[in-house]
Every structure is written in C-alpha cells, then in structure tokens.
Amino acid sequence: MPRINLDTIAQTNATGYPAAYADIVAGRWVRRLGSATDLTDFGVSMSC
C-alpha cells in the first residue's frame, strides 16, 4: 500500500454525536482516512 499524504486529507470537526454530547467533542478535529484508502469494512480516523 502506498503512503498516505495526510496533508491532502481535509480535517473536519463534524460529529454524529447527539446534541447532549456535542459540546464534549466540539474542539475535536479529525482526518477520515478510510475514504482516502478505499476502506469499506471499517472506518479509520486520525485525531488532529
């Protein structure tokens, strides 16, 4: 598998948490690596 250039993957702070928990993760930024590597059976994220 070739190396992944992390700088080409956008950071996001979108969350799927319910509103009651959204404040807890509000400052969290991640890069979703699964789509960049064509993974389909599980997800991979990197905290930024």
Protein backbone atom coordinates (compact mmCIF):
# COMPACT_ATOMS: atom_id res chain seq x y z
CA MET A 1 0.00 0.00 0.00
CA PRO A 2 1.39 3.42 -0.88
CA ARG A 3 1.92 6.06 1.78
CA ILE A 4 -0.87 8.46 2.54
CA ASN A 5 -0.07 12.16 2.35
CA LEU A 6 -2.05 13.41 5.37
CA ASP A 7 -1.87 17.00 4.15
CA THR A 8 -4.17 16.07 1.24
CA ILE A 9 -6.95 14.83 3.57
CA ALA A 10 -9.21 17.56 4.88
CA GLN A 11 -9.68 18.00 8.61
CA THR A 12 -13.24 18.08 9.92
CA ASN A 13 -14.92 18.71 13.22
CA ALA A 14 -18.32 17.35 12.15
CA THR A 15 -19.76 14.89 14.61
CA GLY A 16 -22.55 12.35 14.74
CA TYR A 17 -22.93 12.64 18.50
CA PRO A 18 -26.35 13.54 19.92
CA ALA A 19 -26.80 17.18 20.95
CA ALA A 20 -26.37 16.29 24.63
CA TYR A 21 -22.78 15.20 23.96
CA ALA A 22 -21.80 17.55 21.13
CA ASP A 23 -20.19 20.10 23.49
CA ILE A 24 -17.80 17.45 24.83
CA VAL A 25 -16.27 16.83 21.39
CA ALA A 26 -16.69 20.37 19.99
CA GLY A 27 -12.93 21.06 19.79
CA ARG A 28 -12.04 17.71 18.23
CA TRP A 29 -10.64 17.72 14.70
CA VAL A 30 -10.09 14.52 12.73
CA ARG A 31 -9.00 13.30 9.34
CA ARG A 32 -11.10 10.48 7.90
CA LEU A 33 -8.57 8.06 6.45
CA GLY A 34 -10.96 5.31 5.34
CA SER A 35 -12.20 7.03 2.20
CA ALA A 36 -8.67 8.07 1.22
CA THR A 37 -7.57 4.43 1.32
CA ASP A 38 -10.75 2.88 -0.15
CA LEU A 39 -11.55 1.01 3.07
CA THR A 40 -15.13 -0.27 3.10
CA ASP A 41 -15.41 -2.70 6.02
CA PHE A 42 -14.39 -0.32 8.81
CA GLY A 43 -13.51 3.31 9.39
CA VAL A 44 -10.19 4.86 10.33
CA SER A 45 -9.71 8.36 11.69
CA MET A 46 -6.73 10.32 12.89
CA SER A 47 -7.17 12.95 15.59
CA CYS A 48 -5.54 16.24 14.77
